[in-house]
Protein backbone atom coordinates (compact mmCIF):
# COMPACT_ATOMS: atom_id res chain seq x y z
CA UNK A 1 -111.99 151.78 21.58
CA UNK A 2 -114.77 152.30 20.01
CA UNK A 3 -117.93 153.26 19.18
CA UNK A 4 -121.10 151.04 18.70
CA UNK A 5 -124.65 150.01 17.39
CA UNK A 6 -126.36 148.92 20.49
CA UNK A 7 -130.05 147.04 20.13
CA UNK A 8 -132.20 147.06 22.93
CA UNK A 9 -135.71 145.04 22.34
CA UNK A 10 -138.26 144.17 25.48
CA UNK A 11 -140.01 141.00 25.61
CA UNK A 12 -143.01 139.51 27.37
CA UNK A 13 -140.89 138.43 30.54
CA UNK A 14 -142.24 134.59 29.67
CA UNK A 15 -140.60 131.68 29.17
CA UNK A 16 -138.80 130.96 25.17
CA UNK A 17 -138.92 134.32 23.81
CA UNK A 18 -135.55 134.94 24.85
CA UNK A 19 -134.83 131.78 23.54
CA UNK A 20 -137.14 132.68 20.32
CA UNK A 21 -134.88 135.25 19.33
CA UNK A 22 -131.93 133.74 20.00
CA UNK A 23 -132.41 131.30 17.58
CA UNK A 24 -134.15 133.83 14.89
CA UNK A 25 -130.88 135.66 15.40
CA UNK A 26 -128.58 132.47 15.04
CA UNK A 27 -130.67 131.16 12.00
CA UNK A 28 -129.05 134.90 10.22
CA UNK A 29 -126.06 133.59 10.81
CA UNK A 30 -125.62 136.82 13.88
CA UNK A 31 -123.42 137.40 15.83
CA UNK A 32 -123.07 138.95 19.34
CA UNK A 33 -119.84 140.69 21.29
CA UNK A 34 -122.16 141.80 23.83
CA UNK A 35 -125.56 140.21 25.66
CA UNK A 36 -126.71 141.60 28.52
CA UNK A 37 -130.92 140.41 29.79
CA UNK A 38 -132.35 142.43 32.67
CA UNK A 39 -135.65 141.49 34.10
CA UNK A 40 -138.02 144.40 34.74
CA UNK A 41 -141.67 143.07 36.43
CA UNK A 42 -143.71 142.11 33.37
CA UNK A 43 -140.39 142.52 30.17
CA UNK A 44 -136.93 142.23 30.50
CA UNK A 45 -134.65 144.10 28.51
CA UNK A 46 -132.14 142.79 26.03
CA UNK A 47 -129.13 144.99 25.23
CA UNK A 48 -126.78 143.16 22.41
CA UNK A 49 -123.46 144.97 20.03
CA UNK A 50 -124.58 142.39 16.95
CA UNK A 51 -121.54 142.18 15.07
CA UNK A 52 -123.89 142.92 12.11
CA UNK A 53 -126.49 145.48 12.49
CA UNK A 54 -128.38 145.40 9.30
CA UNK A 55 -129.18 141.80 9.78
CA UNK A 56 -129.78 142.54 13.17
CA UNK A 57 -132.48 144.39 12.60
CA UNK A 58 -134.23 142.29 9.89
CA UNK A 59 -134.71 139.68 12.11
CA UNK A 60 -135.82 142.29 14.68
CA UNK A 61 -138.38 143.36 11.84
CA UNK A 62 -139.57 139.89 10.38
CA UNK A 63 -140.30 138.97 14.39
CA UNK A 64 -141.98 141.79 15.32
CA UNK A 65 -139.76 143.20 17.51
CA UNK A 66 -138.85 147.18 18.76
CA UNK A 67 -136.44 147.99 19.20
CA UNK A 68 -134.17 151.02 19.84
CA UNK A 69 -130.40 151.64 18.60
CA UNK A 70 -127.66 153.74 21.04
CA UNK A 71 -124.56 154.61 20.46
CA UNK A 72 -122.11 153.22 22.59
CA UNK A 73 -118.85 152.59 23.95
CA UNK A 74 -116.72 149.44 23.33
CA UNK A 75 -114.11 149.85 26.19
CA UNK A 76 -111.14 147.19 26.69
CA UNK A 77 -110.67 146.90 30.26
CA UNK A 78 -107.14 144.97 31.13
CA UNK A 79 -108.15 141.69 33.32
CA UNK A 80 -106.17 143.19 36.37
CA UNK A 81 -108.25 143.99 39.45
CA UNK A 82 -108.83 147.83 39.96
CA UNK A 83 -109.21 148.46 35.66
CA UNK A 84 -112.73 149.06 34.95
CA UNK A 85 -112.43 151.70 38.47
CA UNK A 86 -110.53 153.45 36.32
CA UNK A 87 -112.41 154.07 33.44
CA UNK A 88 -115.28 155.04 36.00
CA UNK A 89 -112.92 157.42 38.02
CA UNK A 90 -111.47 159.49 34.34
CA UNK A 91 -115.12 159.87 33.46
CA UNK A 92 -116.43 160.95 36.86
CA UNK A 93 -113.38 162.64 36.72
CA UNK A 94 -114.66 164.70 33.98
CA UNK A 95 -118.25 164.62 35.00
CA UNK A 96 -119.44 162.10 32.64
CA UNK A 97 -122.53 160.09 33.78
CA UNK A 98 -122.47 156.59 32.98
CA UNK A 99 -126.57 155.70 32.52
CA UNK A 100 -125.30 151.85 32.37
CA UNK A 101 -122.12 148.55 31.64
CA UNK A 102 -122.03 145.86 30.80
CA UNK A 103 -119.49 143.93 29.24
CA UNK A 104 -118.63 140.49 27.36
CA UNK A 105 -115.83 138.23 28.33
CA UNK A 106 -113.83 136.68 25.48
CA UNK A 107 -111.36 138.86 23.14
CA UNK A 108 -111.14 142.79 23.59
CA UNK A 109 -111.61 145.21 20.69
CA UNK A 110 -108.25 144.42 19.07
CA UNK A 111 -108.10 140.03 19.63
CA UNK A 112 -105.99 140.84 23.54
CA UNK A 113 -108.42 138.84 26.35
CA UNK A 114 -109.40 140.47 29.00
CA UNK A 115 -113.06 142.66 28.89
CA UNK A 116 -115.03 144.55 26.30
CA UNK A 117 -117.49 146.64 28.27
CA UNK A 118 -120.29 147.96 26.98
CA UNK A 119 -120.89 151.58 28.25
CA UNK A 120 -123.02 154.45 27.84
CA UNK A 121 -122.70 157.90 28.63
CA UNK A 122 -124.55 161.26 28.62
CA UNK A 123 -121.35 162.24 26.28
CA UNK A 124 -119.77 159.65 23.68
CA UNK A 125 -117.58 162.18 22.12
CA UNK A 126 -116.75 163.54 25.23
CA UNK A 127 -116.00 160.50 26.56
CA UNK A 128 -114.05 159.61 23.77
CA UNK A 129 -111.37 161.87 24.43
CA UNK A 130 -110.82 161.37 27.91
CA UNK A 131 -110.87 157.57 26.90
CA UNK A 132 -108.91 158.14 23.62
CA UNK A 133 -107.22 155.50 21.38
CA UNK A 134 -107.87 151.99 23.36
CA UNK A 135 -109.85 153.15 26.57
CA UNK A 136 -107.37 153.27 29.31
CA UNK A 137 -103.90 155.24 28.11
CA UNK A 138 -105.36 159.08 27.43
CA UNK A 139 -104.15 160.18 31.15
CA UNK A 140 -102.97 163.39 30.40
CA UNK A 141 -99.31 163.66 31.78
CA UNK A 142 -98.77 166.23 34.04
CA UNK A 143 -97.78 170.30 32.32
CA UNK A 144 -93.65 169.94 33.45
CA UNK A 145 -93.75 173.59 35.32
CA UNK A 146 -90.50 175.47 33.60
CA UNK A 147 -88.24 177.70 36.05
CA UNK A 148 -86.37 179.78 34.75
CA UNK A 149 -82.90 179.59 35.36
CA UNK A 150 -80.86 182.11 36.69
CA UNK A 151 -79.72 184.55 34.77
CA UNK A 152 -75.84 184.83 33.89
CA UNK A 153 -73.13 186.22 36.33
CA UNK A 154 -71.32 189.18 34.19
CA UNK A 155 -68.01 189.01 34.87
CA UNK A 156 -66.89 192.75 35.45
CA UNK A 157 -69.89 194.13 36.32
CA UNK A 158 -68.97 195.40 39.57
C-alpha cells in the first residue's frame, strides 16, 4: 500500500471541458494512475492521481483551472470476489471512515494484475498501520495464550 497525491478539479458540466483538460495533460505527457469523474448539476468533479504531480499542477495552472491536493491511499486489491470488502471491513473495525473510493483497473502498485483502489480516509496514518504494507496483509495474528504448565511432581515429597 502506498500513499499518493490526488488532484480534484471542478469543471463546468459542458461537452468538451473534460476532453480539453485531458488533452492539455496529454500534451505535457502527464499520465494517470487513477481517474474518476462525478457529475453534480452544473459542475463535475474530476479526481485523479497523476504520475507527475508537479507537471499536472502546472498544466492546471496554465489552463486556469483551480484544484485541490489531497493525500490518498493506493491499495492493491486482489482480483477476487470480496477483496475490496475485506479492506473496507478492516478500516471500519478500526473506526476509520472512508470518505470516498474509486479504482483504477490495470497493474497494481507493484506491477501485479488486479485493481488499485484509491481511498480517501479520515485518518491516513492510522489507515496505513491498519492495512499494512500491501493493503491486505497486515492482519493481526491472534495473541497465543500461554497456559501455565503444571508443576512437576516431586518424588518422595509424600
